[in-house]
Amino acid sequence: PEEVETHRQWLANYTGYKLPSKDTYETELMQMK
């Protein structure tokens, strides 16, 4: 999971968009696994 978060940030910088805040990924929907 830590590598996934690192690559998520790298892909945002490479593509040219800004990642949403971390609160977006802490919702109940995003935590389902």
Full PDB file with SEQRES, HELIX, SHEET, SSBOND, CRYST1, ORIGX, SCALE, CONECT and MASTER records, all heavy atoms in Angstrom:
SEQRES   1 A   33  PRO GLU GLU VAL GLU THR HIS ARG GLN TRP LEU ALA ASN          
SEQRES   2 A   33  TYR THR GLY TYR LYS LEU PRO SER LYS ASP THR TYR GLU          
SEQRES   3 A   33  THR GLU LEU MET GLN MET LYS                                  
HELIX    1 AA1 GLU A    2  THR A   15  1                                  14    
HELIX    2 AA2 LYS A   22  GLU A   26  5                                   5    
HELIX    3 AA3 GLU A   28  GLN A   31  1                                   4    
CRYST1    1.000    1.000    1.000  90.00  90.00  90.00 P 1           1          
ORIGX1      1.000000  0.000000  0.000000        0.00000                         
ORIGX2      0.000000  1.000000  0.000000        0.00000                         
ORIGX3      0.000000  0.000000  1.000000        0.00000                         
SCALE1      1.000000  0.000000  0.000000        0.00000                         
SCALE2      0.000000  1.000000  0.000000        0.00000                         
SCALE3      0.000000  0.000000  1.000000        0.00000                         
ATOM      1  N   PRO A   1       0.813  -1.234   0.000  1.00  0.00           N  
ATOM      2  CA  PRO A   1       0.000   0.000   0.000  1.00  0.00           C  
ATOM      3  C   PRO A   1       0.836   1.271   0.000  1.00  0.00           C  
ATOM      4  O   PRO A   1       0.438   2.280  -0.612  1.00  0.00           O  
ATOM      5  CB  PRO A   1      -0.833  -0.127   1.279  1.00  0.00           C  
ATOM      6  CG  PRO A   1      -0.883  -1.594   1.560  1.00  0.00           C  
ATOM      7  CD  PRO A   1       0.422  -2.135   1.091  1.00  0.00           C  
ATOM      8  N   GLU A   2       1.976   1.269   0.681  1.00  0.00           N  
ATOM      9  CA  GLU A   2       2.818   2.468   0.686  1.00  0.00           C  
ATOM     10  C   GLU A   2       3.397   2.730  -0.709  1.00  0.00           C  
ATOM     11  O   GLU A   2       3.473   3.892  -1.146  1.00  0.00           O  
ATOM     12  CB  GLU A   2       3.943   2.296   1.703  1.00  0.00           C  
ATOM     13  CG  GLU A   2       3.452   2.187   3.143  1.00  0.00           C  
ATOM     14  CD  GLU A   2       4.599   2.077   4.120  1.00  0.00           C  
ATOM     15  OE1 GLU A   2       5.774   2.055   3.655  1.00  0.00           O  
ATOM     16  OE2 GLU A   2       4.338   2.021   5.343  1.00  0.00           O  
ATOM     17  N   GLU A   3       3.777   1.677  -1.427  1.00  0.00           N  
ATOM     18  CA  GLU A   3       4.258   1.864  -2.793  1.00  0.00           C  
ATOM     19  C   GLU A   3       3.144   2.336  -3.717  1.00  0.00           C  
ATOM     20  O   GLU A   3       3.378   3.134  -4.640  1.00  0.00           O  
ATOM     21  CB  GLU A   3       4.853   0.560  -3.320  1.00  0.00           C  
ATOM     22  CG  GLU A   3       6.127   0.131  -2.610  1.00  0.00           C  
ATOM     23  CD  GLU A   3       6.730  -1.091  -3.250  1.00  0.00           C  
ATOM     24  OE1 GLU A   3       6.226  -1.516  -4.310  1.00  0.00           O  
ATOM     25  OE2 GLU A   3       7.710  -1.632  -2.685  1.00  0.00           O  
ATOM     26  N   VAL A   4       1.938   1.861  -3.493  1.00  0.00           N  
ATOM     27  CA  VAL A   4       0.799   2.320  -4.302  1.00  0.00           C  
ATOM     28  C   VAL A   4       0.580   3.814  -4.118  1.00  0.00           C  
ATOM     29  O   VAL A   4       0.353   4.555  -5.082  1.00  0.00           O  
ATOM     30  CB  VAL A   4      -0.470   1.519  -3.936  1.00  0.00           C  
ATOM     31  CG1 VAL A   4      -1.699   2.113  -4.609  1.00  0.00           C  
ATOM     32  CG2 VAL A   4      -0.316   0.062  -4.350  1.00  0.00           C  
ATOM     33  N   GLU A   5       0.670   4.283  -2.880  1.00  0.00           N  
ATOM     34  CA  GLU A   5       0.499   5.716  -2.628  1.00  0.00           C  
ATOM     35  C   GLU A   5       1.615   6.527  -3.276  1.00  0.00           C  
ATOM     36  O   GLU A   5       1.375   7.616  -3.827  1.00  0.00           O  
ATOM     37  CB  GLU A   5       0.472   5.956  -1.113  1.00  0.00           C  
ATOM     38  CG  GLU A   5       0.117   7.374  -0.710  1.00  0.00           C  
ATOM     39  CD  GLU A   5      -1.278   7.757  -1.146  1.00  0.00           C  
ATOM     40  OE1 GLU A   5      -2.154   6.870  -1.181  1.00  0.00           O  
ATOM     41  OE2 GLU A   5      -1.497   8.947  -1.451  1.00  0.00           O  
ATOM     42  N   THR A   6       2.832   6.000  -3.251  1.00  0.00           N  
ATOM     43  CA  THR A   6       3.945   6.695  -3.898  1.00  0.00           C  
ATOM     44  C   THR A   6       3.747   6.775  -5.406  1.00  0.00           C  
ATOM     45  O   THR A   6       3.958   7.834  -6.028  1.00  0.00           O  
ATOM     46  CB  THR A   6       5.267   5.976  -3.572  1.00  0.00           C  
ATOM     47  OG1 THR A   6       5.438   5.922  -2.150  1.00  0.00           O  
ATOM     48  CG2 THR A   6       6.441   6.709  -4.204  1.00  0.00           C  
ATOM     49  N   HIS A   7       3.350   5.694  -6.025  1.00  0.00           N  
ATOM     50  CA  HIS A   7       3.122   5.699  -7.472  1.00  0.00           C  
ATOM     51  C   HIS A   7       1.902   6.531  -7.853  1.00  0.00           C  
ATOM     52  O   HIS A   7       1.858   7.093  -8.958  1.00  0.00           O  
ATOM     53  CB  HIS A   7       2.954   4.262  -7.970  1.00  0.00           C  
ATOM     54  CG  HIS A   7       4.245   3.519  -8.108  1.00  0.00           C  
ATOM     55  ND1 HIS A   7       4.893   2.942  -7.036  1.00  0.00           N  
ATOM     56  CD2 HIS A   7       5.023   3.260  -9.193  1.00  0.00           C  
ATOM     57  CE1 HIS A   7       6.002   2.355  -7.447  1.00  0.00           C  
ATOM     58  NE2 HIS A   7       6.104   2.528  -8.746  1.00  0.00           N  
ATOM     59  N   ARG A   8       0.932   6.632  -6.955  1.00  0.00           N  
ATOM     60  CA  ARG A   8      -0.220   7.484  -7.233  1.00  0.00           C  
ATOM     61  C   ARG A   8       0.219   8.951  -7.314  1.00  0.00           C  
ATOM     62  O   ARG A   8      -0.206   9.691  -8.208  1.00  0.00           O  
ATOM     63  CB  ARG A   8      -1.281   7.295  -6.148  1.00  0.00           C  
ATOM     64  CG  ARG A   8      -2.542   8.097  -6.418  1.00  0.00           C  
ATOM     65  CD  ARG A   8      -3.555   7.957  -5.310  1.00  0.00           C  
ATOM     66  NE  ARG A   8      -4.149   6.619  -5.314  1.00  0.00           N  
ATOM     67  CZ  ARG A   8      -4.022   5.749  -4.324  1.00  0.00           C  
ATOM     68  NH1 ARG A   8      -3.325   6.078  -3.245  1.00  0.00           N  
ATOM     69  NH2 ARG A   8      -4.585   4.566  -4.395  1.00  0.00           N  
ATOM     70  N   GLN A   9       1.081   9.340  -6.406  1.00  0.00           N  
ATOM     71  CA  GLN A   9       1.597  10.716  -6.438  1.00  0.00           C  
ATOM     72  C   GLN A   9       2.491  10.940  -7.649  1.00  0.00           C  
ATOM     73  O   GLN A   9       2.439  11.989  -8.294  1.00  0.00           O  
ATOM     74  CB  GLN A   9       2.356  11.002  -5.140  1.00  0.00           C  
ATOM     75  CG  GLN A   9       2.823  12.439  -4.993  1.00  0.00           C  
ATOM     76  CD  GLN A   9       1.666  13.411  -4.912  1.00  0.00           C  
ATOM     77  OE1 GLN A   9       0.721  13.202  -4.162  1.00  0.00           O  
ATOM     78  NE2 GLN A   9       1.734  14.494  -5.686  1.00  0.00           N  
ATOM     79  N   TRP A  10       3.307   9.935  -7.984  1.00  0.00           N  
ATOM     80  CA  TRP A  10       4.187  10.074  -9.147  1.00  0.00           C  
ATOM     81  C   TRP A  10       3.382  10.195 -10.442  1.00  0.00           C  
ATOM     82  O   TRP A  10       3.713  11.000 -11.320  1.00  0.00           O  
ATOM     83  CB  TRP A  10       5.108   8.867  -9.225  1.00  0.00           C  
ATOM     84  CG  TRP A  10       6.021   8.896 -10.425  1.00  0.00           C  
ATOM     85  CD1 TRP A  10       7.255   9.471 -10.504  1.00  0.00           C  
ATOM     86  CD2 TRP A  10       5.748   8.353 -11.723  1.00  0.00           C  
ATOM     87  NE1 TRP A  10       7.776   9.318 -11.765  1.00  0.00           N  
ATOM     88  CE2 TRP A  10       6.869   8.627 -12.532  1.00  0.00           C  
ATOM     89  CE3 TRP A  10       4.681   7.667 -12.264  1.00  0.00           C  
ATOM     90  CZ2 TRP A  10       6.928   8.242 -13.874  1.00  0.00           C  
ATOM     91  CZ3 TRP A  10       4.733   7.284 -13.599  1.00  0.00           C  
ATOM     92  CH2 TRP A  10       5.847   7.562 -14.386  1.00  0.00           C  
ATOM     93  N   LEU A  11       2.318   9.420 -10.573  1.00  0.00           N  
ATOM     94  CA  LEU A  11       1.500   9.481 -11.790  1.00  0.00           C  
ATOM     95  C   LEU A  11       0.798  10.822 -11.902  1.00  0.00           C  
ATOM     96  O   LEU A  11       0.650  11.361 -13.009  1.00  0.00           O  
ATOM     97  CB  LEU A  11       0.474   8.341 -11.773  1.00  0.00           C  
ATOM     98  CG  LEU A  11      -0.400   8.208 -13.020  1.00  0.00           C  
ATOM     99  CD1 LEU A  11       0.444   7.949 -14.265  1.00  0.00           C  
ATOM    100  CD2 LEU A  11      -1.426   7.091 -12.838  1.00  0.00           C  
ATOM    101  N   ALA A  12       0.385  11.410 -10.774  1.00  0.00           N  
ATOM    102  CA  ALA A  12      -0.253  12.735 -10.811  1.00  0.00           C  
ATOM    103  C   ALA A  12       0.741  13.792 -11.265  1.00  0.00           C  
ATOM    104  O   ALA A  12       0.404  14.670 -12.077  1.00  0.00           O  
ATOM    105  CB  ALA A  12      -0.822  13.067  -9.432  1.00  0.00           C  
ATOM    106  N   ASN A  13       1.973  13.736 -10.773  1.00  0.00           N  
ATOM    107  CA  ASN A  13       2.977  14.706 -11.207  1.00  0.00           C  
ATOM    108  C   ASN A  13       3.357  14.504 -12.672  1.00  0.00           C  
ATOM    109  O   ASN A  13       3.586  15.467 -13.403  1.00  0.00           O  
ATOM    110  CB  ASN A  13       4.219  14.584 -10.319  1.00  0.00           C  
ATOM    111  CG  ASN A  13       3.922  14.908  -8.863  1.00  0.00           C  
ATOM    112  OD1 ASN A  13       2.979  15.644  -8.562  1.00  0.00           O  
ATOM    113  ND2 ASN A  13       4.709  14.360  -7.950  1.00  0.00           N  
ATOM    114  N   TYR A  14       3.414  13.245 -13.098  1.00  0.00           N  
ATOM    115  CA  TYR A  14       3.811  12.958 -14.481  1.00  0.00           C  
ATOM    116  C   TYR A  14       2.732  13.371 -15.466  1.00  0.00           C  
ATOM    117  O   TYR A  14       3.020  13.900 -16.556  1.00  0.00           O  
ATOM    118  CB  TYR A  14       4.116  11.471 -14.622  1.00  0.00           C  
ATOM    119  CG  TYR A  14       4.525  11.054 -16.003  1.00  0.00           C  
ATOM    120  CD1 TYR A  14       5.823  11.260 -16.469  1.00  0.00           C  
ATOM    121  CD2 TYR A  14       3.613  10.437 -16.862  1.00  0.00           C  
ATOM    122  CE1 TYR A  14       6.195  10.891 -17.739  1.00  0.00           C  
ATOM    123  CE2 TYR A  14       3.982  10.063 -18.133  1.00  0.00           C  
ATOM    124  CZ  TYR A  14       5.270  10.285 -18.572  1.00  0.00           C  
ATOM    125  OH  TYR A  14       5.627   9.901 -19.848  1.00  0.00           O  
ATOM    126  N   THR A  15       1.475  13.152 -15.098  1.00  0.00           N  
ATOM    127  CA  THR A  15       0.371  13.463 -16.010  1.00  0.00           C  
ATOM    128  C   THR A  15      -0.024  14.926 -15.936  1.00  0.00           C  
ATOM    129  O   THR A  15      -0.558  15.475 -16.906  1.00  0.00           O  
ATOM    130  CB  THR A  15      -0.844  12.563 -15.683  1.00  0.00           C  
ATOM    131  OG1 THR A  15      -0.407  11.211 -15.566  1.00  0.00           O  
ATOM    132  CG2 THR A  15      -1.894  12.632 -16.770  1.00  0.00           C  
ATOM    133  N   GLY A  16       0.195  15.572 -14.802  1.00  0.00           N  
ATOM    134  CA  GLY A  16      -0.093  16.999 -14.702  1.00  0.00           C  
ATOM    135  C   GLY A  16      -1.415  17.324 -14.049  1.00  0.00           C  
ATOM    136  O   GLY A  16      -2.095  18.255 -14.475  1.00  0.00           O  
ATOM    137  N   TYR A  17      -1.801  16.605 -13.030  1.00  0.00           N  
ATOM    138  CA  TYR A  17      -3.010  16.947 -12.291  1.00  0.00           C  
ATOM    139  C   TYR A  17      -2.697  16.853 -10.805  1.00  0.00           C  
ATOM    140  O   TYR A  17      -1.703  16.251 -10.391  1.00  0.00           O  
ATOM    141  CB  TYR A  17      -4.192  16.042 -12.664  1.00  0.00           C  
ATOM    142  CG  TYR A  17      -3.991  14.584 -12.340  1.00  0.00           C  
ATOM    143  CD1 TYR A  17      -4.326  14.055 -11.094  1.00  0.00           C  
ATOM    144  CD2 TYR A  17      -3.479  13.706 -13.289  1.00  0.00           C  
ATOM    145  CE1 TYR A  17      -4.141  12.731 -10.799  1.00  0.00           C  
ATOM    146  CE2 TYR A  17      -3.288  12.371 -13.007  1.00  0.00           C  
ATOM    147  CZ  TYR A  17      -3.626  11.883 -11.754  1.00  0.00           C  
ATOM    148  OH  TYR A  17      -3.433  10.561 -11.467  1.00  0.00           O  
ATOM    149  N   LYS A  18      -3.573  17.440 -10.010  1.00  0.00           N  
ATOM    150  CA  LYS A  18      -3.375  17.479  -8.576  1.00  0.00           C  
ATOM    151  C   LYS A  18      -4.273  16.434  -7.923  1.00  0.00           C  
ATOM    152  O   LYS A  18      -5.477  16.367  -8.193  1.00  0.00           O  
ATOM    153  CB  LYS A  18      -3.700  18.866  -8.026  1.00  0.00           C  
ATOM    154  CG  LYS A  18      -3.415  19.009  -6.537  1.00  0.00           C  
ATOM    155  CD  LYS A  18      -3.728  20.416  -6.048  1.00  0.00           C  
ATOM    156  CE  LYS A  18      -3.457  20.553  -4.555  1.00  0.00           C  
ATOM    157  NZ  LYS A  18      -3.771  21.922  -4.068  1.00  0.00           N  
ATOM    158  N   LEU A  19      -3.676  15.619  -7.068  1.00  0.00           N  
ATOM    159  CA  LEU A  19      -4.440  14.602  -6.362  1.00  0.00           C  
ATOM    160  C   LEU A  19      -5.391  15.234  -5.355  1.00  0.00           C  
ATOM    161  O   LEU A  19      -5.062  16.252  -4.727  1.00  0.00           O  
ATOM    162  CB  LEU A  19      -3.508  13.645  -5.631  1.00  0.00           C  
ATOM    163  CG  LEU A  19      -2.874  12.510  -6.441  1.00  0.00           C  
ATOM    164  CD1 LEU A  19      -1.923  11.722  -5.549  1.00  0.00           C  
ATOM    165  CD2 LEU A  19      -3.934  11.598  -7.012  1.00  0.00           C  
ATOM    166  N   PRO A  20      -6.587  14.662  -5.204  1.00  0.00           N  
ATOM    167  CA  PRO A  20      -7.486  15.153  -4.146  1.00  0.00           C  
ATOM    168  C   PRO A  20      -6.885  14.915  -2.771  1.00  0.00           C  
ATOM    169  O   PRO A  20      -5.896  14.204  -2.599  1.00  0.00           O  
ATOM    170  CB  PRO A  20      -8.766  14.328  -4.370  1.00  0.00           C  
ATOM    171  CG  PRO A  20      -8.676  13.818  -5.771  1.00  0.00           C  
ATOM    172  CD  PRO A  20      -7.206  13.649  -6.044  1.00  0.00           C  
ATOM    173  N   SER A  21      -7.488  15.520  -1.770  1.00  0.00           N  
ATOM    174  CA  SER A  21      -6.987  15.393  -0.405  1.00  0.00           C  
ATOM    175  C   SER A  21      -7.137  13.952   0.081  1.00  0.00           C  
ATOM    176  O   SER A  21      -7.906  13.153  -0.463  1.00  0.00           O  
ATOM    177  CB  SER A  21      -7.756  16.344   0.519  1.00  0.00           C  
ATOM    178  OG  SER A  21      -9.135  16.017   0.522  1.00  0.00           O  
ATOM    179  N   LYS A  22      -6.410  13.636   1.146  1.00  0.00           N  
ATOM    180  CA  LYS A  22      -6.458  12.278   1.689  1.00  0.00           C  
ATOM    181  C   LYS A  22      -7.807  11.941   2.294  1.00  0.00           C  
ATOM    182  O   LYS A  22      -8.154  10.767   2.432  1.00  0.00           O  
ATOM    183  CB  LYS A  22      -5.366  12.122   2.744  1.00  0.00           C  
ATOM    184  CG  LYS A  22      -3.952  12.128   2.164  1.00  0.00           C  
ATOM    185  CD  LYS A  22      -2.942  11.836   3.249  1.00  0.00           C  
ATOM    186  CE  LYS A  22      -1.532  11.785   2.670  1.00  0.00           C  
ATOM    187  NZ  LYS A  22      -0.511  11.488   3.711  1.00  0.00           N  
ATOM    188  N   ASP A  23      -8.584  12.971   2.651  1.00  0.00           N  
ATOM    189  CA  ASP A  23      -9.912  12.694   3.189  1.00  0.00           C  
ATOM    190  C   ASP A  23     -10.793  12.002   2.158  1.00  0.00           C  
ATOM    191  O   ASP A  23     -11.733  11.274   2.519  1.00  0.00           O  
ATOM    192  CB  ASP A  23     -10.583  13.996   3.643  1.00  0.00           C  
ATOM    193  CG  ASP A  23      -9.807  14.662   4.762  1.00  0.00           C  
ATOM    194  OD1 ASP A  23      -9.047  13.935   5.451  1.00  0.00           O  
ATOM    195  OD2 ASP A  23      -9.941  15.887   4.937  1.00  0.00           O  
ATOM    196  N   THR A  24     -10.498  12.210   0.887  1.00  0.00           N  
ATOM    197  CA  THR A  24     -11.284  11.567  -0.168  1.00  0.00           C  
ATOM    198  C   THR A  24     -11.115  10.056  -0.135  1.00  0.00           C  
ATOM    199  O   THR A  24     -12.064   9.305  -0.408  1.00  0.00           O  
ATOM    200  CB  THR A  24     -10.847  12.112  -1.546  1.00  0.00           C  
ATOM    201  OG1 THR A  24     -10.932  13.539  -1.535  1.00  0.00           O  
ATOM    202  CG2 THR A  24     -11.735  11.567  -2.652  1.00  0.00           C  
ATOM    203  N   TYR A  25      -9.922   9.581   0.193  1.00  0.00           N  
ATOM    204  CA  TYR A  25      -9.660   8.142   0.206  1.00  0.00           C  
ATOM    205  C   TYR A  25      -9.983   7.496   1.541  1.00  0.00           C  
ATOM    206  O   TYR A  25      -9.857   6.280   1.666  1.00  0.00           O  
ATOM    207  CB  TYR A  25      -8.187   7.891  -0.128  1.00  0.00           C  
ATOM    208  CG  TYR A  25      -7.787   8.428  -1.470  1.00  0.00           C  
ATOM    209  CD1 TYR A  25      -7.040   9.595  -1.567  1.00  0.00           C  
ATOM    210  CD2 TYR A  25      -8.148   7.778  -2.636  1.00  0.00           C  
ATOM    211  CE1 TYR A  25      -6.665  10.098  -2.799  1.00  0.00           C  
ATOM    212  CE2 TYR A  25      -7.787   8.273  -3.870  1.00  0.00           C  
ATOM    213  CZ  TYR A  25      -7.041   9.434  -3.951  1.00  0.00           C  
ATOM    214  OH  TYR A  25      -6.686   9.936  -5.167  1.00  0.00           O  
ATOM    215  N   GLU A  26     -10.381   8.300   2.522  1.00  0.00           N  
ATOM    216  CA  GLU A  26     -10.696   7.742   3.835  1.00  0.00           C  
ATOM    217  C   GLU A  26     -12.186   7.554   4.051  1.00  0.00           C  
ATOM    218  O   GLU A  26     -12.623   7.281   5.165  1.00  0.00           O  
ATOM    219  CB  GLU A  26     -10.121   8.660   4.930  1.00  0.00           C  
ATOM    220  CG  GLU A  26      -8.597   8.691   4.939  1.00  0.00           C  
ATOM    221  CD  GLU A  26      -8.045   9.619   5.993  1.00  0.00           C  
ATOM    222  OE1 GLU A  26      -8.873  10.280   6.668  1.00  0.00           O  
ATOM    223  OE2 GLU A  26      -6.821   9.697   6.149  1.00  0.00           O  
ATOM    224  N   THR A  27     -12.974   7.692   3.002  1.00  0.00           N  
ATOM    225  CA  THR A  27     -14.408   7.463   3.117  1.00  0.00           C  
ATOM    226  C   THR A  27     -14.690   5.961   3.214  1.00  0.00           C  
ATOM    227  O   THR A  27     -13.832   5.117   2.938  1.00  0.00           O  
ATOM    228  CB  THR A  27     -15.140   8.046   1.906  1.00  0.00           C  
ATOM    229  OG1 THR A  27     -14.644   7.423   0.710  1.00  0.00           O  
ATOM    230  CG2 THR A  27     -14.910   9.553   1.811  1.00  0.00           C  
ATOM    231  N   GLU A  28     -15.919   5.639   3.619  1.00  0.00           N  
ATOM    232  CA  GLU A  28     -16.288   4.231   3.792  1.00  0.00           C  
ATOM    233  C   GLU A  28     -16.233   3.483   2.463  1.00  0.00           C  
ATOM    234  O   GLU A  28     -15.846   2.305   2.415  1.00  0.00           O  
ATOM    235  CB  GLU A  28     -17.696   4.146   4.388  1.00  0.00           C  
ATOM    236  CG  GLU A  28     -18.153   2.719   4.664  1.00  0.00           C  
ATOM    237  CD  GLU A  28     -19.537   2.686   5.281  1.00  0.00           C  
ATOM    238  OE1 GLU A  28     -20.095   3.775   5.521  1.00  0.00           O  
ATOM    239  OE2 GLU A  28     -20.049   1.563   5.504  1.00  0.00           O  
ATOM    240  N   LEU A  29     -16.609   4.155   1.372  1.00  0.00           N  
ATOM    241  CA  LEU A  29     -16.581   3.512   0.061  1.00  0.00           C  
ATOM    242  C   LEU A  29     -15.162   3.143  -0.344  1.00  0.00           C  
ATOM    243  O   LEU A  29     -14.905   2.022  -0.818  1.00  0.00           O  
ATOM    244  CB  LEU A  29     -17.211   4.438  -0.984  1.00  0.00           C  
ATOM    245  CG  LEU A  29     -17.113   3.979  -2.446  1.00  0.00           C  
ATOM    246  CD1 LEU A  29     -17.861   2.673  -2.645  1.00  0.00           C  
ATOM    247  CD2 LEU A  29     -17.651   5.057  -3.378  1.00  0.00           C  
ATOM    248  N   MET A  30     -14.225   4.054  -0.173  1.00  0.00           N  
ATOM    249  CA  MET A  30     -12.858   3.804  -0.597  1.00  0.00           C  
ATOM    250  C   MET A  30     -12.130   2.825   0.318  1.00  0.00           C  
ATOM    251  O   MET A  30     -11.143   2.211  -0.092  1.00  0.00           O  
ATOM    252  CB  MET A  30     -12.082   5.130  -0.666  1.00  0.00           C  
ATOM    253  CG  MET A  30     -12.659   6.114  -1.676  1.00  0.00           C  
ATOM    254  SD  MET A  30     -12.706   5.419  -3.335  1.00  0.00           S  
ATOM    255  CE  MET A  30     -13.663   6.672  -4.197  1.00  0.00           C  
ATOM    256  N   GLN A  31     -12.621   2.673   1.558  1.00  0.00           N  
ATOM    257  CA  GLN A  31     -11.967   1.755   2.481  1.00  0.00           C  
ATOM    258  C   GLN A  31     -12.425   0.314   2.306  1.00  0.00           C  
ATOM    259  O   GLN A  31     -11.821  -0.598   2.876  1.00  0.00           O  
ATOM    260  CB  GLN A  31     -12.229   2.209   3.927  1.00  0.00           C  
ATOM    261  CG  GLN A  31     -11.578   3.535   4.282  1.00  0.00           C  
ATOM    262  CD  GLN A  31     -10.060   3.463   4.227  1.00  0.00           C  
ATOM    263  OE1 GLN A  31      -9.456   2.447   4.539  1.00  0.00           O  
ATOM    264  NE2 GLN A  31      -9.439   4.574   3.834  1.00  0.00           N  
ATOM    265  N   MET A  32     -13.483   0.089   1.528  1.00  0.00           N  
ATOM    266  CA  MET A  32     -13.968  -1.269   1.312  1.00  0.00           C  
ATOM    267  C   MET A  32     -12.946  -2.066   0.510  1.00  0.00           C  
ATOM    268  O   MET A  32     -12.421  -1.590  -0.497  1.00  0.00           O  
ATOM    269  CB  MET A  32     -15.314  -1.244   0.578  1.00  0.00           C  
ATOM    270  CG  MET A  32     -16.438  -0.621   1.371  1.00  0.00           C  
ATOM    271  SD  MET A  32     -18.026  -0.649   0.510  1.00  0.00           S  
ATOM    272  CE  MET A  32     -18.342  -2.409   0.456  1.00  0.00           C  
ATOM    273  N   LYS A  33     -12.654  -3.271   0.989  1.00  0.00           N  
ATOM    274  CA  LYS A  33     -11.608  -4.072   0.363  1.00  0.00           C  
ATOM    275  C   LYS A  33     -11.884  -5.554   0.593  1.00  0.00           C  
ATOM    276  O   LYS A  33     -12.424  -5.942   1.624  1.00  0.00           O  
ATOM    277  CB  LYS A  33     -10.235  -3.698   0.956  1.00  0.00           C  
ATOM    278  CG  LYS A  33      -9.056  -4.376   0.297  1.00  0.00           C  
ATOM    279  CD  LYS A  33      -7.756  -3.953   0.941  1.00  0.00           C  
ATOM    280  CE  LYS A  33      -6.565  -4.646   0.295  1.00  0.00           C  
ATOM    281  NZ  LYS A  33      -5.282  -4.256   0.925  1.00  0.00           N  
TER     282      LYS A  33                                                      
MASTER        0    0    0    3    0    0    0    6  281    1    0    3          
END                                                                             
